[in-house]
Amino acid sequence: MSEGQPTYKLIYFNARGRAEHIRYIFAYAGIDYVDERIPKERWPELKKSMPYGMLPVLEIDGKPISQSNAVARYLARKHNLTGRDEWEAMMCDVLVDTLGDLKQCE
């Protein structure tokens, strides 16, 4: 990791689920990160220490941030993946929100 770059640790279960689009952003942008996979049996003890008692959590320089779509949007903005103008940025938001809607239908 180059100097001045933040350190990232993504904390989630050993599954795709709500963290997968964050992993895709890291992979596409070539961003180094720690992918910490939590075994389900450890979740009850760790839940109290997670923001809102939920996963995924992204630690940025040790500071925990939750809400997977907020994390994805932050990373996309930070790494120039939100489109060239407001229209393209809106279309990116539409795609993210549509994926969320589809997950709820499962």
PDB file of N, CA and C in Angstrom:
ATOM      1  N   MET A   1       0.848  -1.171   0.000  1.00  0.00           N
ATOM      2  CA  MET A   1       0.000   0.000   0.000  1.00  0.00           C
ATOM      3  C   MET A   1       0.886   1.224   0.000  1.00  0.00           C
ATOM      4  N   SER A   2       0.561   2.205  -0.835  1.00  0.00           N
ATOM      5  CA  SER A   2       1.397   3.382  -0.913  1.00  0.00           C
ATOM      6  C   SER A   2       1.156   4.301   0.270  1.00  0.00           C
ATOM      7  N   GLU A   3       2.182   5.088   0.584  1.00  0.00           N
ATOM      8  CA  GLU A   3       2.103   5.998   1.712  1.00  0.00           C
ATOM      9  C   GLU A   3       0.989   7.011   1.503  1.00  0.00           C
ATOM     10  N   GLY A   4       0.287   7.334   2.564  1.00  0.00           N
ATOM     11  CA  GLY A   4      -0.794   8.285   2.478  1.00  0.00           C
ATOM     12  C   GLY A   4      -2.140   7.661   2.128  1.00  0.00           C
ATOM     13  N   GLN A   5      -2.129   6.409   1.708  1.00  0.00           N
ATOM     14  CA  GLN A   5      -3.383   5.729   1.392  1.00  0.00           C
ATOM     15  C   GLN A   5      -3.997   5.185   2.681  1.00  0.00           C
ATOM     16  N   PRO A   6      -5.318   5.249   2.791  1.00  0.00           N
ATOM     17  CA  PRO A   6      -5.948   4.681   3.985  1.00  0.00           C
ATOM     18  C   PRO A   6      -5.809   3.165   4.008  1.00  0.00           C
ATOM     19  N   THR A   7      -5.908   2.604   5.188  1.00  0.00           N
ATOM     20  CA  THR A   7      -5.955   1.150   5.313  1.00  0.00           C
ATOM     21  C   THR A   7      -7.416   0.750   5.473  1.00  0.00           C
ATOM     22  N   TYR A   8      -7.766  -0.332   4.803  1.00  0.00           N
ATOM     23  CA  TYR A   8      -9.145  -0.813   4.811  1.00  0.00           C
ATOM     24  C   TYR A   8      -9.196  -2.231   5.352  1.00  0.00           C
ATOM     25  N   LYS A   9     -10.211  -2.479   6.202  1.00  0.00           N
ATOM     26  CA  LYS A   9     -10.515  -3.842   6.624  1.00  0.00           C
ATOM     27  C   LYS A   9     -12.019  -4.024   6.517  1.00  0.00           C
ATOM     28  N   LEU A  10     -12.432  -4.972   5.687  1.00  0.00           N
ATOM     29  CA  LEU A  10     -13.840  -5.293   5.514  1.00  0.00           C
ATOM     30  C   LEU A  10     -14.171  -6.484   6.394  1.00  0.00           C
ATOM     31  N   ILE A  11     -15.165  -6.323   7.244  1.00  0.00           N
ATOM     32  CA  ILE A  11     -15.560  -7.372   8.183  1.00  0.00           C
ATOM     33  C   ILE A  11     -16.955  -7.856   7.790  1.00  0.00           C
ATOM     34  N   TYR A  12     -17.033  -9.150   7.502  1.00  0.00           N
ATOM     35  CA  TYR A  12     -18.327  -9.743   7.137  1.00  0.00           C
ATOM     36  C   TYR A  12     -18.230 -11.244   7.353  1.00  0.00           C
ATOM     37  N   PHE A  13     -19.343 -11.918   7.175  1.00  0.00           N
ATOM     38  CA  PHE A  13     -19.369 -13.374   7.269  1.00  0.00           C
ATOM     39  C   PHE A  13     -18.649 -13.980   6.063  1.00  0.00           C
ATOM     40  N   ASN A  14     -18.388 -15.261   6.122  1.00  0.00           N
ATOM     41  CA  ASN A  14     -17.759 -15.952   4.998  1.00  0.00           C
ATOM     42  C   ASN A  14     -18.835 -16.269   3.959  1.00  0.00           C
ATOM     43  N   ALA A  15     -19.330 -15.192   3.352  1.00  0.00           N
ATOM     44  CA  ALA A  15     -20.406 -15.290   2.368  1.00  0.00           C
ATOM     45  C   ALA A  15     -20.350 -14.054   1.483  1.00  0.00           C
ATOM     46  N   ARG A  16     -21.072 -14.098   0.376  1.00  0.00           N
ATOM     47  CA  ARG A  16     -21.121 -12.925  -0.501  1.00  0.00           C
ATOM     48  C   ARG A  16     -22.043 -11.872   0.102  1.00  0.00           C
ATOM     49  N   GLY A  17     -23.307 -12.079   0.061  1.00  0.00           N
ATOM     50  CA  GLY A  17     -24.288 -11.215   0.714  1.00  0.00           C
ATOM     51  C   GLY A  17     -24.075  -9.723   0.550  1.00  0.00           C
ATOM     52  N   ARG A  18     -24.249  -9.003   1.640  1.00  0.00           N
ATOM     53  CA  ARG A  18     -24.234  -7.546   1.636  1.00  0.00           C
ATOM     54  C   ARG A  18     -22.845  -6.931   1.462  1.00  0.00           C
ATOM     55  N   ALA A  19     -21.807  -7.720   1.492  1.00  0.00           N
ATOM     56  CA  ALA A  19     -20.456  -7.176   1.334  1.00  0.00           C
ATOM     57  C   ALA A  19     -19.899  -7.369  -0.069  1.00  0.00           C
ATOM     58  N   GLU A  20     -20.588  -8.128  -0.896  1.00  0.00           N
ATOM     59  CA  GLU A  20     -19.982  -8.513  -2.173  1.00  0.00           C
ATOM     60  C   GLU A  20     -19.753  -7.331  -3.099  1.00  0.00           C
ATOM     61  N   HIS A  21     -20.672  -6.385  -3.163  1.00  0.00           N
ATOM     62  CA  HIS A  21     -20.434  -5.243  -4.049  1.00  0.00           C
ATOM     63  C   HIS A  21     -19.261  -4.389  -3.565  1.00  0.00           C
ATOM     64  N   ILE A  22     -18.996  -4.390  -2.260  1.00  0.00           N
ATOM     65  CA  ILE A  22     -17.826  -3.685  -1.730  1.00  0.00           C
ATOM     66  C   ILE A  22     -16.559  -4.410  -2.185  1.00  0.00           C
ATOM     67  N   ARG A  23     -16.568  -5.729  -2.100  1.00  0.00           N
ATOM     68  CA  ARG A  23     -15.408  -6.503  -2.578  1.00  0.00           C
ATOM     69  C   ARG A  23     -15.175  -6.275  -4.069  1.00  0.00           C
ATOM     70  N   TYR A  24     -16.250  -6.188  -4.850  1.00  0.00           N
ATOM     71  CA  TYR A  24     -16.108  -5.917  -6.288  1.00  0.00           C
ATOM     72  C   TYR A  24     -15.439  -4.567  -6.530  1.00  0.00           C
ATOM     73  N   ILE A  25     -15.833  -3.564  -5.772  1.00  0.00           N
ATOM     74  CA  ILE A  25     -15.209  -2.245  -5.926  1.00  0.00           C
ATOM     75  C   ILE A  25     -13.723  -2.327  -5.607  1.00  0.00           C
ATOM     76  N   PHE A  26     -13.373  -2.975  -4.501  1.00  0.00           N
ATOM     77  CA  PHE A  26     -11.957  -3.128  -4.164  1.00  0.00           C
ATOM     78  C   PHE A  26     -11.197  -3.822  -5.298  1.00  0.00           C
ATOM     79  N   ALA A  27     -11.759  -4.910  -5.811  1.00  0.00           N
ATOM     80  CA  ALA A  27     -11.091  -5.670  -6.873  1.00  0.00           C
ATOM     81  C   ALA A  27     -10.961  -4.835  -8.148  1.00  0.00           C
ATOM     82  N   TYR A  28     -12.036  -4.205  -8.563  1.00  0.00           N
ATOM     83  CA  TYR A  28     -12.032  -3.433  -9.807  1.00  0.00           C
ATOM     84  C   TYR A  28     -11.044  -2.267  -9.741  1.00  0.00           C
ATOM     85  N   ALA A  29     -11.002  -1.591  -8.585  1.00  0.00           N
ATOM     86  CA  ALA A  29     -10.135  -0.429  -8.433  1.00  0.00           C
ATOM     87  C   ALA A  29      -8.714  -0.812  -8.027  1.00  0.00           C
ATOM     88  N   GLY A  30      -8.467  -2.107  -7.777  1.00  0.00           N
ATOM     89  CA  GLY A  30      -7.126  -2.546  -7.384  1.00  0.00           C
ATOM     90  C   GLY A  30      -6.713  -2.041  -6.011  1.00  0.00           C
ATOM     91  N   ILE A  31      -7.668  -1.988  -5.089  1.00  0.00           N
ATOM     92  CA  ILE A  31      -7.423  -1.465  -3.744  1.00  0.00           C
ATOM     93  C   ILE A  31      -7.075  -2.618  -2.809  1.00  0.00           C
ATOM     94  N   ASP A  32      -5.963  -2.479  -2.089  1.00  0.00           N
ATOM     95  CA  ASP A  32      -5.595  -3.473  -1.082  1.00  0.00           C
ATOM     96  C   ASP A  32      -6.489  -3.317   0.144  1.00  0.00           C
ATOM     97  N   TYR A  33      -6.913  -4.448   0.690  1.00  0.00           N
ATOM     98  CA  TYR A  33      -7.723  -4.420   1.907  1.00  0.00           C
ATOM     99  C   TYR A  33      -7.617  -5.762   2.597  1.00  0.00           C
ATOM    100  N   VAL A  34      -7.960  -5.787   3.868  1.00  0.00           N
ATOM    101  CA  VAL A  34      -8.052  -7.018   4.636  1.00  0.00           C
ATOM    102  C   VAL A  34      -9.497  -7.477   4.571  1.00  0.00           C
ATOM    103  N   ASP A  35      -9.703  -8.713   4.172  1.00  0.00           N
ATOM    104  CA  ASP A  35     -11.041  -9.288   4.058  1.00  0.00           C
ATOM    105  C   ASP A  35     -11.245 -10.232   5.236  1.00  0.00           C
ATOM    106  N   GLU A  36     -11.732  -9.692   6.352  1.00  0.00           N
ATOM    107  CA  GLU A  36     -11.905 -10.496   7.566  1.00  0.00           C
ATOM    108  C   GLU A  36     -13.258 -11.196   7.522  1.00  0.00           C
ATOM    109  N   ARG A  37     -13.206 -12.519   7.467  1.00  0.00           N
ATOM    110  CA  ARG A  37     -14.425 -13.335   7.411  1.00  0.00           C
ATOM    111  C   ARG A  37     -14.735 -13.868   8.806  1.00  0.00           C
ATOM    112  N   ILE A  38     -15.904 -13.513   9.309  1.00  0.00           N
ATOM    113  CA  ILE A  38     -16.308 -13.886  10.661  1.00  0.00           C
ATOM    114  C   ILE A  38     -17.105 -15.190  10.614  1.00  0.00           C
ATOM    115  N   PRO A  39     -16.668 -16.221  11.340  1.00  0.00           N
ATOM    116  CA  PRO A  39     -17.481 -17.446  11.418  1.00  0.00           C
ATOM    117  C   PRO A  39     -18.793 -17.155  12.155  1.00  0.00           C
ATOM    118  N   LYS A  40     -19.858 -17.745  11.680  1.00  0.00           N
ATOM    119  CA  LYS A  40     -21.188 -17.489  12.270  1.00  0.00           C
ATOM    120  C   LYS A  40     -21.213 -17.756  13.780  1.00  0.00           C
ATOM    121  N   GLU A  41     -20.457 -18.749  14.227  1.00  0.00           N
ATOM    122  CA  GLU A  41     -20.475 -19.064  15.660  1.00  0.00           C
ATOM    123  C   GLU A  41     -19.832 -17.966  16.512  1.00  0.00           C
ATOM    124  N   ARG A  42     -19.007 -17.106  15.932  1.00  0.00           N
ATOM    125  CA  ARG A  42     -18.397 -15.990  16.673  1.00  0.00           C
ATOM    126  C   ARG A  42     -19.266 -14.740  16.658  1.00  0.00           C
ATOM    127  N   TRP A  43     -20.278 -14.708  15.794  1.00  0.00           N
ATOM    128  CA  TRP A  43     -21.071 -13.502  15.644  1.00  0.00           C
ATOM    129  C   TRP A  43     -21.730 -13.026  16.938  1.00  0.00           C
ATOM    130  N   PRO A  44     -22.333 -13.898  17.757  1.00  0.00           N
ATOM    131  CA  PRO A  44     -22.984 -13.395  18.980  1.00  0.00           C
ATOM    132  C   PRO A  44     -22.032 -12.603  19.878  1.00  0.00           C
ATOM    133  N   GLU A  45     -20.789 -13.007  19.993  1.00  0.00           N
ATOM    134  CA  GLU A  45     -19.849 -12.271  20.852  1.00  0.00           C
ATOM    135  C   GLU A  45     -19.367 -10.971  20.204  1.00  0.00           C
ATOM    136  N   LEU A  46     -19.303 -10.919  18.893  1.00  0.00           N
ATOM    137  CA  LEU A  46     -18.808  -9.730  18.194  1.00  0.00           C
ATOM    138  C   LEU A  46     -19.897  -8.693  17.924  1.00  0.00           C
ATOM    139  N   LYS A  47     -21.133  -9.131  17.911  1.00  0.00           N
ATOM    140  CA  LYS A  47     -22.245  -8.258  17.533  1.00  0.00           C
ATOM    141  C   LYS A  47     -22.280  -6.971  18.359  1.00  0.00           C
ATOM    142  N   LYS A  48     -22.043  -7.070  19.649  1.00  0.00           N
ATOM    143  CA  LYS A  48     -22.100  -5.902  20.533  1.00  0.00           C
ATOM    144  C   LYS A  48     -21.067  -4.840  20.169  1.00  0.00           C
ATOM    145  N   SER A  49     -19.972  -5.249  19.553  1.00  0.00           N
ATOM    146  CA  SER A  49     -18.906  -4.294  19.246  1.00  0.00           C
ATOM    147  C   SER A  49     -19.032  -3.668  17.853  1.00  0.00           C
ATOM    148  N   MET A  50     -20.035  -4.084  17.085  1.00  0.00           N
ATOM    149  CA  MET A  50     -20.209  -3.567  15.724  1.00  0.00           C
ATOM    150  C   MET A  50     -21.222  -2.418  15.714  1.00  0.00           C
ATOM    151  N   PRO A  51     -20.981  -1.394  14.899  1.00  0.00           N
ATOM    152  CA  PRO A  51     -21.959  -0.302  14.811  1.00  0.00           C
ATOM    153  C   PRO A  51     -23.337  -0.846  14.428  1.00  0.00           C
ATOM    154  N   TYR A  52     -24.336  -0.441  15.167  1.00  0.00           N
ATOM    155  CA  TYR A  52     -25.728  -0.869  14.957  1.00  0.00           C
ATOM    156  C   TYR A  52     -25.913  -2.375  15.106  1.00  0.00           C
ATOM    157  N   GLY A  53     -24.886  -3.087  15.594  1.00  0.00           N
ATOM    158  CA  GLY A  53     -24.980  -4.533  15.761  1.00  0.00           C
ATOM    159  C   GLY A  53     -25.152  -5.262  14.449  1.00  0.00           C
ATOM    160  N   MET A  54     -24.567  -4.706  13.370  1.00  0.00           N
ATOM    161  CA  MET A  54     -24.761  -5.280  12.033  1.00  0.00           C
ATOM    162  C   MET A  54     -23.428  -5.420  11.296  1.00  0.00           C
ATOM    163  N   LEU A  55     -23.441  -6.275  10.293  1.00  0.00           N
ATOM    164  CA  LEU A  55     -22.342  -6.403   9.340  1.00  0.00           C
ATOM    165  C   LEU A  55     -22.922  -6.223   7.943  1.00  0.00           C
ATOM    166  N   PRO A  56     -22.148  -5.826   6.971  1.00  0.00           N
ATOM    167  CA  PRO A  56     -20.708  -5.625   7.001  1.00  0.00           C
ATOM    168  C   PRO A  56     -20.314  -4.303   7.658  1.00  0.00           C
ATOM    169  N   VAL A  57     -19.053  -4.274   8.065  1.00  0.00           N
ATOM    170  CA  VAL A  57     -18.412  -3.069   8.582  1.00  0.00           C
ATOM    171  C   VAL A  57     -17.115  -2.898   7.821  1.00  0.00           C
ATOM    172  N   LEU A  58     -16.854  -1.670   7.402  1.00  0.00           N
ATOM    173  CA  LEU A  58     -15.567  -1.346   6.802  1.00  0.00           C
ATOM    174  C   LEU A  58     -14.817  -0.474   7.788  1.00  0.00           C
ATOM    175  N   GLU A  59     -13.628  -0.916   8.172  1.00  0.00           N
ATOM    176  CA  GLU A  59     -12.764  -0.075   8.997  1.00  0.00           C
ATOM    177  C   GLU A  59     -11.849   0.696   8.063  1.00  0.00           C
ATOM    178  N   ILE A  60     -11.872   2.019   8.197  1.00  0.00           N
ATOM    179  CA  ILE A  60     -10.995   2.895   7.428  1.00  0.00           C
ATOM    180  C   ILE A  60     -10.033   3.509   8.427  1.00  0.00           C
ATOM    181  N   ASP A  61      -8.773   3.114   8.322  1.00  0.00           N
ATOM    182  CA  ASP A  61      -7.765   3.542   9.305  1.00  0.00           C
ATOM    183  C   ASP A  61      -8.235   3.272  10.730  1.00  0.00           C
ATOM    184  N   GLY A  62      -8.873   2.103  10.915  1.00  0.00           N
ATOM    185  CA  GLY A  62      -9.319   1.682  12.237  1.00  0.00           C
ATOM    186  C   GLY A  62     -10.666   2.223  12.670  1.00  0.00           C
ATOM    187  N   LYS A  63     -11.266   3.122  11.884  1.00  0.00           N
ATOM    188  CA  LYS A  63     -12.580   3.687  12.239  1.00  0.00           C
ATOM    189  C   LYS A  63     -13.673   2.872  11.560  1.00  0.00           C
ATOM    190  N   PRO A  64     -14.606   2.297  12.335  1.00  0.00           N
ATOM    191  CA  PRO A  64     -15.641   1.440  11.749  1.00  0.00           C
ATOM    192  C   PRO A  64     -16.780   2.235  11.124  1.00  0.00           C
ATOM    193  N   ILE A  65     -17.162   1.821   9.924  1.00  0.00           N
ATOM    194  CA  ILE A  65     -18.287   2.410   9.199  1.00  0.00           C
ATOM    195  C   ILE A  65     -19.202   1.265   8.781  1.00  0.00           C
ATOM    196  N   SER A  66     -20.499   1.435   8.993  1.00  0.00           N
ATOM    197  CA  SER A  66     -21.439   0.391   8.591  1.00  0.00           C
ATOM    198  C   SER A  66     -22.330   0.892   7.462  1.00  0.00           C
ATOM    199  N   GLN A  67     -23.303   0.084   7.098  1.00  0.00           N
ATOM    200  CA  GLN A  67     -24.238   0.340   6.013  1.00  0.00           C
ATOM    201  C   GLN A  67     -23.547   0.147   4.664  1.00  0.00           C
ATOM    202  N   SER A  68     -23.744  -1.010   4.088  1.00  0.00           N
ATOM    203  CA  SER A  68     -22.989  -1.429   2.907  1.00  0.00           C
ATOM    204  C   SER A  68     -23.139  -0.493   1.710  1.00  0.00           C
ATOM    205  N   ASN A  69     -24.320   0.048   1.461  1.00  0.00           N
ATOM    206  CA  ASN A  69     -24.458   0.940   0.310  1.00  0.00           C
ATOM    207  C   ASN A  69     -23.755   2.272   0.544  1.00  0.00           C
ATOM    208  N   ALA A  70     -23.774   2.777   1.770  1.00  0.00           N
ATOM    209  CA  ALA A  70     -23.033   4.003   2.078  1.00  0.00           C
ATOM    210  C   ALA A  70     -21.539   3.767   1.892  1.00  0.00           C
ATOM    211  N   VAL A  71     -21.059   2.623   2.330  1.00  0.00           N
ATOM    212  CA  VAL A  71     -19.646   2.266   2.155  1.00  0.00           C
ATOM    213  C   VAL A  71     -19.305   2.170   0.669  1.00  0.00           C
ATOM    214  N   ALA A  72     -20.157   1.483  -0.094  1.00  0.00           N
ATOM    215  CA  ALA A  72     -19.904   1.324  -1.533  1.00  0.00           C
ATOM    216  C   ALA A  72     -19.881   2.677  -2.238  1.00  0.00           C
ATOM    217  N   ARG A  73     -20.815   3.538  -1.905  1.00  0.00           N
ATOM    218  CA  ARG A  73     -20.852   4.864  -2.535  1.00  0.00           C
ATOM    219  C   ARG A  73     -19.614   5.683  -2.172  1.00  0.00           C
ATOM    220  N   TYR A  74     -19.199   5.611  -0.923  1.00  0.00           N
ATOM    221  CA  TYR A  74     -17.985   6.315  -0.500  1.00  0.00           C
ATOM    222  C   TYR A  74     -16.777   5.843  -1.309  1.00  0.00           C
ATOM    223  N   LEU A  75     -16.591   4.519  -1.380  1.00  0.00           N
ATOM    224  CA  LEU A  75     -15.446   3.976  -2.112  1.00  0.00           C
ATOM    225  C   LEU A  75     -15.517   4.329  -3.588  1.00  0.00           C
ATOM    226  N   ALA A  76     -16.710   4.266  -4.163  1.00  0.00           N
ATOM    227  CA  ALA A  76     -16.862   4.601  -5.578  1.00  0.00           C
ATOM    228  C   ALA A  76     -16.498   6.059  -5.835  1.00  0.00           C
ATOM    229  N   ARG A  77     -16.955   6.960  -4.967  1.00  0.00           N
ATOM    230  CA  ARG A  77     -16.589   8.377  -5.132  1.00  0.00           C
ATOM    231  C   ARG A  77     -15.093   8.579  -4.965  1.00  0.00           C
ATOM    232  N   LYS A  78     -14.539   7.966  -3.942  1.00  0.00           N
ATOM    233  CA  LYS A  78     -13.119   8.150  -3.632  1.00  0.00           C
ATOM    234  C   LYS A  78     -12.224   7.639  -4.750  1.00  0.00           C
ATOM    235  N   HIS A  79     -12.666   6.626  -5.479  1.00  0.00           N
ATOM    236  CA  HIS A  79     -11.834   5.998  -6.507  1.00  0.00           C
ATOM    237  C   HIS A  79     -12.386   6.221  -7.925  1.00  0.00           C
ATOM    238  N   ASN A  80     -13.133   7.304  -8.071  1.00  0.00           N
ATOM    239  CA  ASN A  80     -13.607   7.758  -9.389  1.00  0.00           C
ATOM    240  C   ASN A  80     -14.399   6.701 -10.159  1.00  0.00           C
ATOM    241  N   LEU A  81     -15.320   6.058  -9.472  1.00  0.00           N
ATOM    242  CA  LEU A  81     -16.152   5.039 -10.105  1.00  0.00           C
ATOM    243  C   LEU A  81     -17.630   5.432 -10.124  1.00  0.00           C
ATOM    244  N   THR A  82     -17.912   6.716 -10.022  1.00  0.00           N
ATOM    245  CA  THR A  82     -19.313   7.152  -9.939  1.00  0.00           C
ATOM    246  C   THR A  82     -19.830   7.777 -11.220  1.00  0.00           C
ATOM    247  N   GLY A  83     -19.087   7.721 -12.284  1.00  0.00           N
ATOM    248  CA  GLY A  83     -19.544   8.302 -13.543  1.00  0.00           C
ATOM    249  C   GLY A  83     -18.891   9.638 -13.823  1.00  0.00           C
ATOM    250  N   ARG A  84     -19.067  10.096 -15.053  1.00  0.00           N
ATOM    251  CA  ARG A  84     -18.421  11.341 -15.487  1.00  0.00           C
ATOM    252  C   ARG A  84     -19.248  12.579 -15.207  1.00  0.00           C
ATOM    253  N   ASP A  85     -20.530  12.414 -14.913  1.00  0.00           N
ATOM    254  CA  ASP A  85     -21.394  13.564 -14.666  1.00  0.00           C
ATOM    255  C   ASP A  85     -22.515  13.135 -13.719  1.00  0.00           C
ATOM    256  N   GLU A  86     -23.401  14.078 -13.417  1.00  0.00           N
ATOM    257  CA  GLU A  86     -24.490  13.783 -12.473  1.00  0.00           C
ATOM    258  C   GLU A  86     -25.425  12.688 -12.986  1.00  0.00           C
ATOM    259  N   TRP A  87     -25.671  12.647 -14.280  1.00  0.00           N
ATOM    260  CA  TRP A  87     -26.541  11.617 -14.842  1.00  0.00           C
ATOM    261  C   TRP A  87     -25.947  10.228 -14.613  1.00  0.00           C
ATOM    262  N   GLU A  88     -24.675  10.059 -14.950  1.00  0.00           N
ATOM    263  CA  GLU A  88     -24.027   8.758 -14.753  1.00  0.00           C
ATOM    264  C   GLU A  88     -23.959   8.399 -13.275  1.00  0.00           C
ATOM    265  N   ALA A  89     -23.736   9.401 -12.414  1.00  0.00           N
ATOM    266  CA  ALA A  89     -23.725   9.139 -10.973  1.00  0.00           C
ATOM    267  C   ALA A  89     -25.096   8.643 -10.510  1.00  0.00           C
ATOM    268  N   MET A  90     -26.153   9.264 -11.037  1.00  0.00           N
ATOM    269  CA  MET A  90     -27.502   8.821 -10.686  1.00  0.00           C
ATOM    270  C   MET A  90     -27.739   7.392 -11.170  1.00  0.00           C
ATOM    271  N   MET A  91     -27.279   7.060 -12.368  1.00  0.00           N
ATOM    272  CA  MET A  91     -27.462   5.709 -12.887  1.00  0.00           C
ATOM    273  C   MET A  91     -26.720   4.680 -12.017  1.00  0.00           C
ATOM    274  N   CYS A  92     -25.569   5.055 -11.501  1.00  0.00           N
ATOM    275  CA  CYS A  92     -24.854   4.170 -10.567  1.00  0.00           C
ATOM    276  C   CYS A  92     -25.702   3.940  -9.317  1.00  0.00           C
ATOM    277  N   ASP A  93     -26.299   5.010  -8.791  1.00  0.00           N
ATOM    278  CA  ASP A  93     -27.174   4.879  -7.624  1.00  0.00           C
ATOM    279  C   ASP A  93     -28.375   3.997  -7.934  1.00  0.00           C
ATOM    280  N   VAL A  94     -28.947   4.153  -9.121  1.00  0.00           N
ATOM    281  CA  VAL A  94     -30.083   3.322  -9.527  1.00  0.00           C
ATOM    282  C   VAL A  94     -29.696   1.844  -9.513  1.00  0.00           C
ATOM    283  N   LEU A  95     -28.533   1.537 -10.055  1.00  0.00           N
ATOM    284  CA  LEU A  95     -28.092   0.137 -10.090  1.00  0.00           C
ATOM    285  C   LEU A  95     -27.884  -0.422  -8.691  1.00  0.00           C
ATOM    286  N   VAL A  96     -27.249   0.352  -7.819  1.00  0.00           N
ATOM    287  CA  VAL A  96     -27.019  -0.111  -6.444  1.00  0.00           C
ATOM    288  C   VAL A  96     -28.351  -0.333  -5.736  1.00  0.00           C
ATOM    289  N   ASP A  97     -29.272   0.613  -5.871  1.00  0.00           N
ATOM    290  CA  ASP A  97     -30.557   0.469  -5.202  1.00  0.00           C
ATOM    291  C   ASP A  97     -31.382  -0.682  -5.784  1.00  0.00           C
ATOM    292  N   THR A  98     -31.271  -0.911  -7.082  1.00  0.00           N
ATOM    293  CA  THR A  98     -31.974  -2.029  -7.707  1.00  0.00           C
ATOM    294  C   THR A  98     -31.442  -3.356  -7.183  1.00  0.00           C
ATOM    295  N   LEU A  99     -30.132  -3.460  -7.027  1.00  0.00           N
ATOM    296  CA  LEU A  99     -29.555  -4.686  -6.447  1.00  0.00           C
ATOM    297  C   LEU A  99     -30.088  -4.908  -5.045  1.00  0.00           C
ATOM    298  N   GLY A 100     -30.195  -3.840  -4.273  1.00  0.00           N
ATOM    299  CA  GLY A 100     -30.758  -3.957  -2.920  1.00  0.00           C
ATOM    300  C   GLY A 100     -32.197  -4.431  -2.950  1.00  0.00           C
ATOM    301  N   ASP A 101     -32.978  -3.904  -3.882  1.00  0.00           N
ATOM    302  CA  ASP A 101     -34.378  -4.338  -4.018  1.00  0.00           C
ATOM    303  C   ASP A 101     -34.458  -5.812  -4.377  1.00  0.00           C
ATOM    304  N   LEU A 102     -33.593  -6.242  -5.293  1.00  0.00           N
ATOM    305  CA  LEU A 102     -33.601  -7.646  -5.708  1.00  0.00           C
ATOM    306  C   LEU A 102     -33.230  -8.571  -4.551  1.00  0.00           C
ATOM    307  N   LYS A 103     -32.307  -8.157  -3.693  1.00  0.00           N
ATOM    308  CA  LYS A 103     -31.916  -8.973  -2.534  1.00  0.00           C
ATOM    309  C   LYS A 103     -33.106  -9.166  -1.603  1.00  0.00           C
ATOM    310  N   GLN A 104     -33.962  -8.139  -1.476  1.00  0.00           N
ATOM    311  CA  GLN A 104     -35.113  -8.238  -0.584  1.00  0.00           C
ATOM    312  C   GLN A 104     -36.158  -9.204  -1.107  1.00  0.00           C
ATOM    313  N   CYS A 105     -36.145  -9.447  -2.400  1.00  0.00           N
ATOM    314  CA  CYS A 105     -37.127 -10.357  -3.015  1.00  0.00           C
ATOM    315  C   CYS A 105     -36.733 -11.828  -2.861  1.00  0.00           C
ATOM    316  N   GLU A 106     -35.513 -12.100  -2.430  1.00  0.00           N
ATOM    317  CA  GLU A 106     -35.038 -13.486  -2.346  1.00  0.00           C
ATOM    318  C   GLU A 106     -35.778 -14.264  -1.293  1.00  0.00           C
TER     319      GLU A 106
END
